[in-house]
Amino acid sequence: MKNERIYKLVLTALMAALSYVVFTFLQIKIALPGGDATSIHLGNAVCVLGALLLGGVYGGIGGAIGMTIGDLLDPIYIVYAPKTFILKFCIGLITGLVAHKIGKISTSQDSRHVFKWVVIASICGLLFNVVFDPLFGYFYKLVILGKPAAEVTLSINIAATSINAVLSVIVATAVYMALRPVLAKSNMLPRLGKENACA
């Protein structure tokens, strides 16, 4: 049990580092009015992958920490770091809940069943982000930051978030389905039971 917890913490740190690298160095930044920006990136795919591998809490924390650090080190995104942490953590929680508690992918031996629930869980986590990232971002800009350009940038943020979601579902699913048999064969695939399906 102790070794598994350490293993999950190490993988969480790896997911945090990977999400930071992917978000920071493999993004296409789109300038917006008022000195703002949005981007096309695959950071969310790493967050979803972490939740599929480790459960919602560990996966969500890994993705949230990595992308929040990315925001903190970027002068344009630094003010959005709290919003990023909350939203990315929620992506992980939702993905982990659907994948492990409802779909039970960590205990299934049926690859078609696993594939179906990986896709469903990824869509659920990222659908949350498609709805709440632009909405939360709009109110965050308007109320907390007092940016009058919030309305102008809303439609662009929705488009970018939607593109990110589609790309992330495809990438996270493909990578997880490729990694799963290798990790299972090496006895390195965490077994998430009912008691820690989200953890």
N, C-alpha and C. Protein backbone atom coordinates (compact mmCIF):
# COMPACT_ATOMS: atom_id res chain seq x y z
N MET A 1 0.83 -1.21 0.00
CA MET A 1 0.00 0.00 0.00
C MET A 1 0.87 1.27 0.00
N LYS A 2 1.91 1.25 0.86
CA LYS A 2 2.81 2.41 0.93
C LYS A 2 3.56 2.59 -0.39
N ASN A 3 4.02 1.47 -0.97
CA ASN A 3 4.73 1.55 -2.24
C ASN A 3 3.83 2.06 -3.36
N GLU A 4 2.56 1.65 -3.34
CA GLU A 4 1.62 2.12 -4.36
C GLU A 4 1.37 3.61 -4.23
N ARG A 5 1.27 4.08 -2.99
CA ARG A 5 1.07 5.53 -2.77
C ARG A 5 2.26 6.32 -3.28
N ILE A 6 3.47 5.83 -3.00
CA ILE A 6 4.68 6.50 -3.49
C ILE A 6 4.71 6.49 -5.01
N TYR A 7 4.36 5.34 -5.60
CA TYR A 7 4.31 5.20 -7.06
C TYR A 7 3.34 6.22 -7.66
N LYS A 8 2.16 6.37 -7.03
CA LYS A 8 1.17 7.32 -7.53
C LYS A 8 1.64 8.76 -7.37
N LEU A 9 2.35 9.04 -6.28
CA LEU A 9 2.88 10.40 -6.09
C LEU A 9 3.95 10.72 -7.14
N VAL A 10 4.79 9.73 -7.44
CA VAL A 10 5.82 9.92 -8.46
C VAL A 10 5.17 10.16 -9.82
N LEU A 11 4.15 9.36 -10.16
CA LEU A 11 3.45 9.54 -11.44
C LEU A 11 2.71 10.88 -11.48
N THR A 12 2.18 11.32 -10.34
CA THR A 12 1.52 12.63 -10.27
C THR A 12 2.52 13.74 -10.58
N ALA A 13 3.71 13.64 -10.00
CA ALA A 13 4.77 14.62 -10.29
C ALA A 13 5.16 14.59 -11.76
N LEU A 14 5.23 13.38 -12.32
CA LEU A 14 5.55 13.24 -13.74
C LEU A 14 4.48 13.90 -14.60
N MET A 15 3.20 13.68 -14.25
CA MET A 15 2.09 14.30 -15.00
C MET A 15 2.13 15.82 -14.87
N ALA A 16 2.50 16.32 -13.68
CA ALA A 16 2.61 17.78 -13.49
C ALA A 16 3.70 18.34 -14.40
N ALA A 17 4.85 17.68 -14.43
CA ALA A 17 5.96 18.13 -15.28
C ALA A 17 5.58 18.05 -16.76
N LEU A 18 4.94 16.96 -17.13
CA LEU A 18 4.55 16.77 -18.53
C LEU A 18 3.51 17.79 -18.96
N SER A 19 2.51 18.05 -18.10
CA SER A 19 1.49 19.03 -18.46
C SER A 19 2.09 20.43 -18.58
N TYR A 20 3.06 20.75 -17.71
CA TYR A 20 3.75 22.04 -17.80
C TYR A 20 4.48 22.17 -19.14
N VAL A 21 5.26 21.15 -19.48
CA VAL A 21 6.05 21.19 -20.72
C VAL A 21 5.14 21.29 -21.95
N VAL A 22 4.11 20.44 -21.98
CA VAL A 22 3.20 20.43 -23.14
C VAL A 22 2.47 21.75 -23.26
N PHE A 23 1.96 22.25 -22.12
CA PHE A 23 1.22 23.52 -22.14
C PHE A 23 2.12 24.70 -22.50
N THR A 24 3.32 24.74 -21.95
CA THR A 24 4.19 25.89 -22.12
C THR A 24 4.91 25.92 -23.47
N PHE A 25 5.42 24.79 -23.90
CA PHE A 25 6.30 24.77 -25.07
C PHE A 25 5.63 24.25 -26.35
N LEU A 26 4.47 23.63 -26.24
CA LEU A 26 3.80 23.10 -27.42
C LEU A 26 2.43 23.75 -27.63
N GLN A 27 2.35 25.03 -27.37
CA GLN A 27 1.09 25.73 -27.54
C GLN A 27 1.16 26.71 -28.70
N ILE A 28 0.00 26.97 -29.28
CA ILE A 28 -0.13 28.02 -30.29
C ILE A 28 -0.89 29.15 -29.62
N LYS A 29 -0.19 30.23 -29.30
CA LYS A 29 -0.81 31.34 -28.58
C LYS A 29 -1.55 32.25 -29.54
N ILE A 30 -2.76 32.65 -29.16
CA ILE A 30 -3.60 33.54 -29.97
C ILE A 30 -3.80 34.83 -29.19
N ALA A 31 -3.32 35.93 -29.74
CA ALA A 31 -3.45 37.23 -29.08
C ALA A 31 -4.91 37.69 -29.12
N LEU A 32 -5.35 38.30 -28.02
CA LEU A 32 -6.72 38.81 -27.91
C LEU A 32 -6.69 40.29 -27.57
N PRO A 33 -7.80 40.98 -27.78
CA PRO A 33 -7.85 42.41 -27.43
C PRO A 33 -7.57 42.64 -25.95
N GLY A 34 -7.01 43.77 -25.64
CA GLY A 34 -6.75 44.14 -24.25
C GLY A 34 -5.50 43.50 -23.67
N GLY A 35 -4.61 43.02 -24.52
CA GLY A 35 -3.37 42.41 -24.03
C GLY A 35 -3.53 41.00 -23.52
N ASP A 36 -4.67 40.39 -23.81
CA ASP A 36 -4.96 39.02 -23.38
C ASP A 36 -4.49 38.03 -24.42
N ALA A 37 -4.63 36.76 -24.08
CA ALA A 37 -4.30 35.70 -25.05
C ALA A 37 -5.02 34.43 -24.65
N THR A 38 -5.23 33.57 -25.62
CA THR A 38 -5.69 32.20 -25.39
C THR A 38 -4.77 31.32 -26.20
N SER A 39 -4.94 30.01 -26.11
CA SER A 39 -4.02 29.16 -26.86
C SER A 39 -4.63 27.82 -27.21
N ILE A 40 -4.08 27.23 -28.25
CA ILE A 40 -4.38 25.85 -28.62
C ILE A 40 -3.25 25.02 -28.02
N HIS A 41 -3.59 24.05 -27.18
CA HIS A 41 -2.56 23.26 -26.50
C HIS A 41 -3.11 21.88 -26.13
N LEU A 42 -2.21 21.01 -25.68
CA LEU A 42 -2.60 19.65 -25.27
C LEU A 42 -2.38 19.42 -23.78
N GLY A 43 -2.29 20.50 -23.01
CA GLY A 43 -2.13 20.36 -21.56
C GLY A 43 -3.29 19.60 -20.93
N ASN A 44 -4.51 19.83 -21.43
CA ASN A 44 -5.67 19.13 -20.90
C ASN A 44 -5.61 17.63 -21.16
N ALA A 45 -4.97 17.25 -22.26
CA ALA A 45 -4.83 15.82 -22.57
C ALA A 45 -4.00 15.13 -21.50
N VAL A 46 -2.97 15.80 -21.00
CA VAL A 46 -2.14 15.24 -19.94
C VAL A 46 -2.93 15.12 -18.65
N CYS A 47 -3.76 16.12 -18.37
CA CYS A 47 -4.62 16.10 -17.19
C CYS A 47 -5.57 14.90 -17.25
N VAL A 48 -6.19 14.69 -18.39
CA VAL A 48 -7.11 13.56 -18.58
C VAL A 48 -6.35 12.24 -18.49
N LEU A 49 -5.19 12.16 -19.12
CA LEU A 49 -4.38 10.95 -19.08
C LEU A 49 -4.00 10.61 -17.63
N GLY A 50 -3.63 11.62 -16.86
CA GLY A 50 -3.31 11.40 -15.45
C GLY A 50 -4.49 10.83 -14.68
N ALA A 51 -5.69 11.34 -14.94
CA ALA A 51 -6.89 10.85 -14.26
C ALA A 51 -7.22 9.41 -14.68
N LEU A 52 -6.98 9.08 -15.94
CA LEU A 52 -7.22 7.72 -16.42
C LEU A 52 -6.23 6.74 -15.79
N LEU A 53 -5.00 7.17 -15.61
CA LEU A 53 -3.97 6.30 -15.04
C LEU A 53 -4.04 6.21 -13.52
N LEU A 54 -4.33 7.34 -12.86
CA LEU A 54 -4.15 7.43 -11.41
C LEU A 54 -5.42 7.68 -10.62
N GLY A 55 -6.52 7.96 -11.30
CA GLY A 55 -7.73 8.37 -10.60
C GLY A 55 -7.87 9.88 -10.63
N GLY A 56 -9.04 10.35 -10.24
CA GLY A 56 -9.37 11.77 -10.37
C GLY A 56 -8.53 12.72 -9.55
N VAL A 57 -8.30 12.40 -8.29
CA VAL A 57 -7.59 13.34 -7.41
C VAL A 57 -6.13 13.48 -7.84
N TYR A 58 -5.43 12.36 -7.95
CA TYR A 58 -4.02 12.42 -8.33
C TYR A 58 -3.84 12.99 -9.75
N GLY A 59 -4.66 12.51 -10.68
CA GLY A 59 -4.57 13.01 -12.06
C GLY A 59 -4.91 14.48 -12.16
N GLY A 60 -5.96 14.88 -11.44
CA GLY A 60 -6.36 16.29 -11.45
C GLY A 60 -5.31 17.19 -10.84
N ILE A 61 -4.71 16.74 -9.73
CA ILE A 61 -3.66 17.54 -9.08
C ILE A 61 -2.46 17.67 -10.00
N GLY A 62 -2.06 16.57 -10.65
CA GLY A 62 -0.92 16.63 -11.56
C GLY A 62 -1.12 17.64 -12.67
N GLY A 63 -2.27 17.55 -13.36
CA GLY A 63 -2.56 18.48 -14.45
C GLY A 63 -2.71 19.91 -13.96
N ALA A 64 -3.38 20.08 -12.81
CA ALA A 64 -3.61 21.42 -12.27
C ALA A 64 -2.30 22.09 -11.87
N ILE A 65 -1.42 21.34 -11.21
CA ILE A 65 -0.14 21.92 -10.78
C ILE A 65 0.71 22.31 -11.99
N GLY A 66 0.81 21.40 -12.96
CA GLY A 66 1.63 21.68 -14.14
C GLY A 66 1.18 22.90 -14.91
N MET A 67 -0.13 22.98 -15.18
CA MET A 67 -0.61 24.12 -15.98
C MET A 67 -0.67 25.41 -15.17
N THR A 68 -0.86 25.30 -13.85
CA THR A 68 -0.82 26.50 -13.02
C THR A 68 0.59 27.08 -12.98
N ILE A 69 1.60 26.21 -12.88
CA ILE A 69 2.99 26.70 -12.94
C ILE A 69 3.24 27.37 -14.29
N GLY A 70 2.71 26.76 -15.36
CA GLY A 70 2.82 27.37 -16.69
C GLY A 70 2.23 28.78 -16.72
N ASP A 71 1.07 28.97 -16.08
CA ASP A 71 0.46 30.29 -15.99
C ASP A 71 1.31 31.25 -15.17
N LEU A 72 1.81 30.77 -14.03
CA LEU A 72 2.58 31.63 -13.14
C LEU A 72 3.87 32.14 -13.78
N LEU A 73 4.42 31.38 -14.72
CA LEU A 73 5.67 31.77 -15.37
C LEU A 73 5.46 32.52 -16.68
N ASP A 74 4.20 32.80 -17.01
CA ASP A 74 3.88 33.54 -18.24
C ASP A 74 3.26 34.88 -17.85
N PRO A 75 3.88 36.00 -18.24
CA PRO A 75 3.34 37.31 -17.83
C PRO A 75 1.91 37.59 -18.29
N ILE A 76 1.48 36.96 -19.38
CA ILE A 76 0.10 37.17 -19.85
C ILE A 76 -0.89 36.33 -19.04
N TYR A 77 -0.51 35.10 -18.72
CA TYR A 77 -1.44 34.17 -18.05
C TYR A 77 -1.37 34.19 -16.53
N ILE A 78 -0.39 34.90 -15.95
CA ILE A 78 -0.17 34.81 -14.51
C ILE A 78 -1.42 35.12 -13.68
N VAL A 79 -2.24 36.05 -14.15
CA VAL A 79 -3.43 36.43 -13.39
C VAL A 79 -4.51 35.35 -13.42
N TYR A 80 -4.37 34.39 -14.35
CA TYR A 80 -5.39 33.34 -14.47
C TYR A 80 -5.01 32.06 -13.74
N ALA A 81 -3.88 32.07 -13.01
CA ALA A 81 -3.41 30.85 -12.34
C ALA A 81 -4.44 30.24 -11.38
N PRO A 82 -5.13 31.02 -10.53
CA PRO A 82 -6.13 30.39 -9.64
C PRO A 82 -7.26 29.71 -10.43
N LYS A 83 -7.73 30.37 -11.48
CA LYS A 83 -8.78 29.80 -12.33
C LYS A 83 -8.31 28.51 -12.97
N THR A 84 -7.08 28.50 -13.46
CA THR A 84 -6.52 27.31 -14.10
C THR A 84 -6.47 26.14 -13.12
N PHE A 85 -5.99 26.39 -11.91
CA PHE A 85 -5.87 25.30 -10.94
C PHE A 85 -7.23 24.66 -10.66
N ILE A 86 -8.24 25.48 -10.43
CA ILE A 86 -9.57 24.96 -10.11
C ILE A 86 -10.14 24.15 -11.28
N LEU A 87 -10.09 24.72 -12.48
CA LEU A 87 -10.70 24.06 -13.64
C LEU A 87 -9.98 22.78 -14.02
N LYS A 88 -8.67 22.77 -14.00
CA LYS A 88 -7.93 21.57 -14.40
C LYS A 88 -8.09 20.46 -13.37
N PHE A 89 -8.14 20.85 -12.09
CA PHE A 89 -8.40 19.85 -11.05
C PHE A 89 -9.77 19.21 -11.25
N CYS A 90 -10.76 20.03 -11.61
CA CYS A 90 -12.11 19.51 -11.87
C CYS A 90 -12.15 18.58 -13.08
N ILE A 91 -11.38 18.89 -14.12
CA ILE A 91 -11.29 17.99 -15.28
C ILE A 91 -10.84 16.61 -14.82
N GLY A 92 -9.79 16.57 -14.00
CA GLY A 92 -9.29 15.30 -13.48
C GLY A 92 -10.30 14.58 -12.63
N LEU A 93 -10.95 15.30 -11.71
CA LEU A 93 -11.95 14.67 -10.84
C LEU A 93 -13.08 14.03 -11.64
N ILE A 94 -13.60 14.77 -12.60
CA ILE A 94 -14.73 14.25 -13.39
C ILE A 94 -14.29 13.06 -14.24
N THR A 95 -13.16 13.19 -14.90
CA THR A 95 -12.65 12.09 -15.73
C THR A 95 -12.42 10.84 -14.89
N GLY A 96 -11.77 11.01 -13.74
CA GLY A 96 -11.49 9.88 -12.85
C GLY A 96 -12.76 9.23 -12.32
N LEU A 97 -13.73 10.03 -11.94
CA LEU A 97 -15.00 9.51 -11.43
C LEU A 97 -15.70 8.65 -12.48
N VAL A 98 -15.82 9.18 -13.68
CA VAL A 98 -16.51 8.46 -14.75
C VAL A 98 -15.73 7.21 -15.17
N ALA A 99 -14.43 7.35 -15.32
CA ALA A 99 -13.61 6.23 -15.80
C ALA A 99 -13.52 5.09 -14.80
N HIS A 100 -13.30 5.42 -13.53
CA HIS A 100 -13.01 4.38 -12.54
C HIS A 100 -14.20 3.97 -11.70
N LYS A 101 -15.03 4.91 -11.29
CA LYS A 101 -16.16 4.56 -10.43
C LYS A 101 -17.34 4.04 -11.25
N ILE A 102 -17.61 4.66 -12.39
CA ILE A 102 -18.74 4.24 -13.22
C ILE A 102 -18.30 3.19 -14.24
N GLY A 103 -17.24 3.50 -15.00
CA GLY A 103 -16.79 2.59 -16.05
C GLY A 103 -15.90 1.45 -15.57
N LYS A 104 -15.31 1.62 -14.35
CA LYS A 104 -14.46 0.57 -13.75
C LYS A 104 -13.36 0.08 -14.70
N ILE A 105 -12.67 1.03 -15.34
CA ILE A 105 -11.67 0.64 -16.33
C ILE A 105 -10.43 -0.01 -15.71
N SER A 106 -10.16 0.29 -14.44
CA SER A 106 -8.94 -0.25 -13.83
C SER A 106 -9.06 -1.73 -13.51
N THR A 107 -10.28 -2.26 -13.44
CA THR A 107 -10.46 -3.69 -13.12
C THR A 107 -10.96 -4.49 -14.32
N SER A 108 -11.27 -3.82 -15.41
CA SER A 108 -11.81 -4.53 -16.58
C SER A 108 -10.69 -5.13 -17.44
N GLN A 109 -10.96 -6.32 -17.97
CA GLN A 109 -10.02 -6.97 -18.89
C GLN A 109 -10.49 -6.86 -20.34
N ASP A 110 -11.68 -6.29 -20.53
CA ASP A 110 -12.28 -6.17 -21.87
C ASP A 110 -11.82 -4.87 -22.51
N SER A 111 -10.98 -4.95 -23.53
CA SER A 111 -10.40 -3.74 -24.12
C SER A 111 -11.46 -2.86 -24.78
N ARG A 112 -12.54 -3.46 -25.32
CA ARG A 112 -13.60 -2.63 -25.92
C ARG A 112 -14.35 -1.85 -24.84
N HIS A 113 -14.59 -2.52 -23.71
CA HIS A 113 -15.24 -1.85 -22.58
C HIS A 113 -14.37 -0.69 -22.09
N VAL A 114 -13.07 -0.96 -21.94
CA VAL A 114 -12.13 0.06 -21.48
C VAL A 114 -12.10 1.24 -22.45
N PHE A 115 -11.98 0.95 -23.75
CA PHE A 115 -11.93 2.00 -24.76
C PHE A 115 -13.19 2.87 -24.70
N LYS A 116 -14.35 2.23 -24.61
CA LYS A 116 -15.62 2.97 -24.56
C LYS A 116 -15.63 3.93 -23.37
N TRP A 117 -15.25 3.43 -22.19
CA TRP A 117 -15.33 4.27 -21.00
C TRP A 117 -14.20 5.30 -20.92
N VAL A 118 -13.09 5.02 -21.55
CA VAL A 118 -12.02 6.02 -21.64
C VAL A 118 -12.50 7.21 -22.48
N VAL A 119 -13.15 6.91 -23.60
CA VAL A 119 -13.68 7.98 -24.46
C VAL A 119 -14.77 8.76 -23.72
N ILE A 120 -15.70 8.04 -23.08
CA ILE A 120 -16.80 8.70 -22.36
C ILE A 120 -16.25 9.58 -21.24
N ALA A 121 -15.32 9.03 -20.46
CA ALA A 121 -14.75 9.79 -19.34
C ALA A 121 -13.99 11.02 -19.82
N SER A 122 -13.23 10.87 -20.90
CA SER A 122 -12.48 12.00 -21.46
C SER A 122 -13.44 13.09 -21.94
N ILE A 123 -14.50 12.68 -22.61
CA ILE A 123 -15.49 13.65 -23.11
C ILE A 123 -16.16 14.36 -21.94
N CYS A 124 -16.52 13.62 -20.88
CA CYS A 124 -17.18 14.24 -19.73
C CYS A 124 -16.28 15.29 -19.07
N GLY A 125 -15.02 14.92 -18.83
CA GLY A 125 -14.10 15.87 -18.20
C GLY A 125 -13.87 17.10 -19.04
N LEU A 126 -13.71 16.90 -20.34
CA LEU A 126 -13.41 18.03 -21.21
C LEU A 126 -14.65 18.81 -21.60
N LEU A 127 -15.82 18.17 -21.58
CA LEU A 127 -17.07 18.90 -21.80
C LEU A 127 -17.31 19.89 -20.66
N PHE A 128 -16.99 19.45 -19.44
CA PHE A 128 -17.04 20.37 -18.30
C PHE A 128 -16.18 21.60 -18.60
N ASN A 129 -14.96 21.35 -19.10
CA ASN A 129 -14.04 22.45 -19.38
C ASN A 129 -14.55 23.36 -20.50
N VAL A 130 -15.15 22.78 -21.54
CA VAL A 130 -15.69 23.57 -22.66
C VAL A 130 -16.77 24.53 -22.17
N VAL A 131 -17.58 24.07 -21.21
CA VAL A 131 -18.66 24.91 -20.68
C VAL A 131 -18.13 25.92 -19.66
N PHE A 132 -17.36 25.41 -18.70
CA PHE A 132 -17.01 26.25 -17.56
C PHE A 132 -15.75 27.09 -17.73
N ASP A 133 -14.83 26.70 -18.59
CA ASP A 133 -13.63 27.53 -18.78
C ASP A 133 -13.99 28.89 -19.36
N PRO A 134 -14.73 28.95 -20.49
CA PRO A 134 -15.10 30.28 -21.00
C PRO A 134 -16.02 31.05 -20.06
N LEU A 135 -16.97 30.33 -19.43
CA LEU A 135 -17.92 30.98 -18.53
C LEU A 135 -17.23 31.53 -17.29
N PHE A 136 -16.45 30.67 -16.65
CA PHE A 136 -15.68 31.07 -15.47
C PHE A 136 -14.70 32.17 -15.84
N GLY A 137 -14.05 32.00 -17.02
CA GLY A 137 -13.09 32.99 -17.50
C GLY A 137 -13.73 34.35 -17.73
N TYR A 138 -14.95 34.33 -18.29
CA TYR A 138 -15.68 35.58 -18.56
C TYR A 138 -15.93 36.35 -17.27
N PHE A 139 -16.48 35.66 -16.26
CA PHE A 139 -16.77 36.34 -14.99
C PHE A 139 -15.50 36.69 -14.23
N TYR A 140 -14.49 35.86 -14.37
CA TYR A 140 -13.20 36.12 -13.72
C TYR A 140 -12.59 37.41 -14.28
N LYS A 141 -12.62 37.54 -15.61
CA LYS A 141 -12.08 38.75 -16.25
C LYS A 141 -12.90 39.98 -15.90
N LEU A 142 -14.21 39.81 -15.94
CA LEU A 142 -15.11 40.96 -15.75
C LEU A 142 -15.15 41.42 -14.30
N VAL A 143 -15.36 40.49 -13.37
CA VAL A 143 -15.57 40.85 -11.97
C VAL A 143 -14.25 41.01 -11.21
N ILE A 144 -13.36 40.02 -11.33
CA ILE A 144 -12.13 40.06 -10.53
C ILE A 144 -11.08 40.96 -11.15
N LEU A 145 -10.88 40.83 -12.46
CA LEU A 145 -9.83 41.62 -13.12
C LEU A 145 -10.35 42.94 -13.67
N GLY A 146 -11.68 43.07 -13.80
CA GLY A 146 -12.27 44.31 -14.31
C GLY A 146 -11.90 44.62 -15.75
N LYS A 147 -11.80 43.58 -16.57
CA LYS A 147 -11.42 43.78 -17.97
C LYS A 147 -12.66 43.96 -18.84
N PRO A 148 -12.83 45.12 -19.46
CA PRO A 148 -14.00 45.36 -20.29
C PRO A 148 -14.03 44.53 -21.57
N ALA A 149 -12.89 43.95 -21.96
CA ALA A 149 -12.83 43.16 -23.20
C ALA A 149 -13.32 41.73 -23.00
N ALA A 150 -13.87 41.41 -21.82
CA ALA A 150 -14.31 40.05 -21.52
C ALA A 150 -15.32 39.53 -22.53
N GLU A 151 -16.28 40.39 -22.91
CA GLU A 151 -17.32 39.97 -23.87
C GLU A 151 -16.74 39.73 -25.26
N VAL A 152 -15.79 40.56 -25.66
CA VAL A 152 -15.19 40.44 -26.99
C VAL A 152 -14.43 39.13 -27.12
N THR A 153 -13.76 38.72 -26.06
CA THR A 153 -12.91 37.52 -26.12
C THR A 153 -13.66 36.22 -25.84
N LEU A 154 -14.92 36.31 -25.39
CA LEU A 154 -15.67 35.12 -25.00
C LEU A 154 -15.80 34.11 -26.13
N SER A 155 -16.20 34.57 -27.32
CA SER A 155 -16.41 33.63 -28.44
C SER A 155 -15.10 32.99 -28.90
N ILE A 156 -14.01 33.75 -28.85
CA ILE A 156 -12.70 33.18 -29.23
C ILE A 156 -12.27 32.14 -28.21
N ASN A 157 -12.52 32.41 -26.92
CA ASN A 157 -12.18 31.45 -25.87
C ASN A 157 -12.99 30.17 -26.01
N ILE A 158 -14.27 30.29 -26.36
CA ILE A 158 -15.11 29.11 -26.56
C ILE A 158 -14.56 28.26 -27.71
N ALA A 159 -14.19 28.91 -28.80
CA ALA A 159 -13.65 28.19 -29.96
C ALA A 159 -12.34 27.48 -29.61
N ALA A 160 -11.43 28.19 -28.95
CA ALA A 160 -10.13 27.60 -28.59
C ALA A 160 -10.31 26.45 -27.61
N THR A 161 -11.19 26.62 -26.62
CA THR A 161 -11.44 25.57 -25.63
C THR A 161 -12.04 24.33 -26.29
N SER A 162 -12.93 24.55 -27.26
CA SER A 162 -13.54 23.42 -27.97
C SER A 162 -12.52 22.65 -28.80
N ILE A 163 -11.65 23.37 -29.49
CA ILE A 163 -10.59 22.72 -30.27
C ILE A 163 -9.67 21.93 -29.35
N ASN A 164 -9.29 22.54 -28.22
CA ASN A 164 -8.44 21.85 -27.25
C ASN A 164 -9.10 20.57 -26.74
N ALA A 165 -10.42 20.64 -26.51
CA ALA A 165 -11.15 19.48 -25.98
C ALA A 165 -11.14 18.32 -26.97
N VAL A 166 -11.42 18.60 -28.23
CA VAL A 166 -11.45 17.54 -29.24
C VAL A 166 -10.07 16.90 -29.39
N LEU A 167 -9.04 17.74 -29.50
CA LEU A 167 -7.67 17.23 -29.63
C LEU A 167 -7.27 16.42 -28.40
N SER A 168 -7.66 16.90 -27.22
CA SER A 168 -7.28 16.23 -25.97
C SER A 168 -7.95 14.88 -25.81
N VAL A 169 -9.22 14.76 -26.21
CA VAL A 169 -9.92 13.47 -26.15
C VAL A 169 -9.19 12.45 -27.03
N ILE A 170 -8.85 12.86 -28.23
CA ILE A 170 -8.18 11.96 -29.18
C ILE A 170 -6.81 11.53 -28.65
N VAL A 171 -6.01 12.51 -28.22
CA VAL A 171 -4.63 12.23 -27.77
C VAL A 171 -4.64 11.41 -26.48
N ALA A 172 -5.44 11.81 -25.49
CA ALA A 172 -5.47 11.10 -24.20
C ALA A 172 -5.93 9.65 -24.38
N THR A 173 -6.95 9.46 -25.21
CA THR A 173 -7.45 8.11 -25.46
C THR A 173 -6.40 7.25 -26.15
N ALA A 174 -5.77 7.79 -27.18
CA ALA A 174 -4.76 7.04 -27.93
C ALA A 174 -3.58 6.67 -27.04
N VAL A 175 -3.10 7.62 -26.24
CA VAL A 175 -1.93 7.36 -25.39
C VAL A 175 -2.29 6.36 -24.28
N TYR A 176 -3.46 6.53 -23.66
CA TYR A 176 -3.85 5.61 -22.59
C TYR A 176 -4.00 4.18 -23.12
N MET A 177 -4.67 4.04 -24.26
CA MET A 177 -4.89 2.70 -24.81
C MET A 177 -3.57 2.05 -25.24
N ALA A 178 -2.58 2.86 -25.60
CA ALA A 178 -1.26 2.32 -25.95
C ALA A 178 -0.46 1.96 -24.69
N LEU A 179 -0.57 2.79 -23.64
CA LEU A 179 0.18 2.56 -22.41
C LEU A 179 -0.41 1.43 -21.56
N ARG A 180 -1.70 1.31 -21.55
CA ARG A 180 -2.38 0.38 -20.64
C ARG A 180 -1.84 -1.05 -20.71
N PRO A 181 -1.77 -1.68 -21.90
CA PRO A 181 -1.27 -3.06 -21.93
C PRO A 181 0.18 -3.19 -21.48
N VAL A 182 0.99 -2.18 -21.78
CA VAL A 182 2.40 -2.21 -21.36
C VAL A 182 2.50 -2.13 -19.85
N LEU A 183 1.75 -1.20 -19.24
CA LEU A 183 1.76 -1.05 -17.78
C LEU A 183 1.18 -2.28 -17.10
N ALA A 184 0.12 -2.84 -17.68
CA ALA A 184 -0.50 -4.04 -17.10
C ALA A 184 0.46 -5.22 -17.14
N LYS A 185 1.15 -5.37 -18.26
CA LYS A 185 2.11 -6.47 -18.41
C LYS A 185 3.26 -6.33 -17.43
N SER A 186 3.66 -5.10 -17.14
CA SER A 186 4.75 -4.84 -16.20
C SER A 186 4.27 -4.78 -14.75
N ASN A 187 2.96 -5.02 -14.55
CA ASN A 187 2.33 -4.93 -13.23
C ASN A 187 2.50 -3.53 -12.62
N MET A 188 2.41 -2.51 -13.47
CA MET A 188 2.57 -1.13 -13.03
C MET A 188 1.29 -0.30 -13.21
N LEU A 189 0.21 -0.96 -13.54
CA LEU A 189 -1.07 -0.26 -13.71
C LEU A 189 -1.77 -0.21 -12.37
N PRO A 190 -1.97 1.00 -11.80
CA PRO A 190 -2.63 1.08 -10.49
C PRO A 190 -4.03 0.47 -10.54
N ARG A 191 -4.38 -0.32 -9.53
CA ARG A 191 -5.70 -0.92 -9.42
C ARG A 191 -6.53 -0.03 -8.52
N LEU A 192 -7.48 0.66 -9.09
CA LEU A 192 -8.29 1.59 -8.31
C LEU A 192 -9.63 0.94 -7.98
N GLY A 193 -9.79 0.57 -6.74
CA GLY A 193 -11.05 -0.03 -6.30
C GLY A 193 -12.09 1.02 -6.00
N LYS A 194 -13.22 0.59 -5.44
CA LYS A 194 -14.32 1.52 -5.14
C LYS A 194 -13.91 2.59 -4.14
N GLU A 195 -13.06 2.17 -3.18
CA GLU A 195 -12.71 3.11 -2.11
C GLU A 195 -11.83 4.25 -2.57
N ASN A 196 -11.10 4.08 -3.68
CA ASN A 196 -10.24 5.18 -4.14
C ASN A 196 -10.36 5.41 -5.65
N ALA A 197 -11.57 5.26 -6.17
CA ALA A 197 -11.79 5.46 -7.59
C ALA A 197 -11.50 6.90 -8.02
N CYS A 198 -11.79 7.84 -7.14
CA CYS A 198 -11.51 9.23 -7.47
C CYS A 198 -10.15 9.66 -6.94
N ALA A 199 -9.58 8.88 -6.05
CA ALA A 199 -8.33 9.29 -5.41
C ALA A 199 -7.11 8.96 -6.23
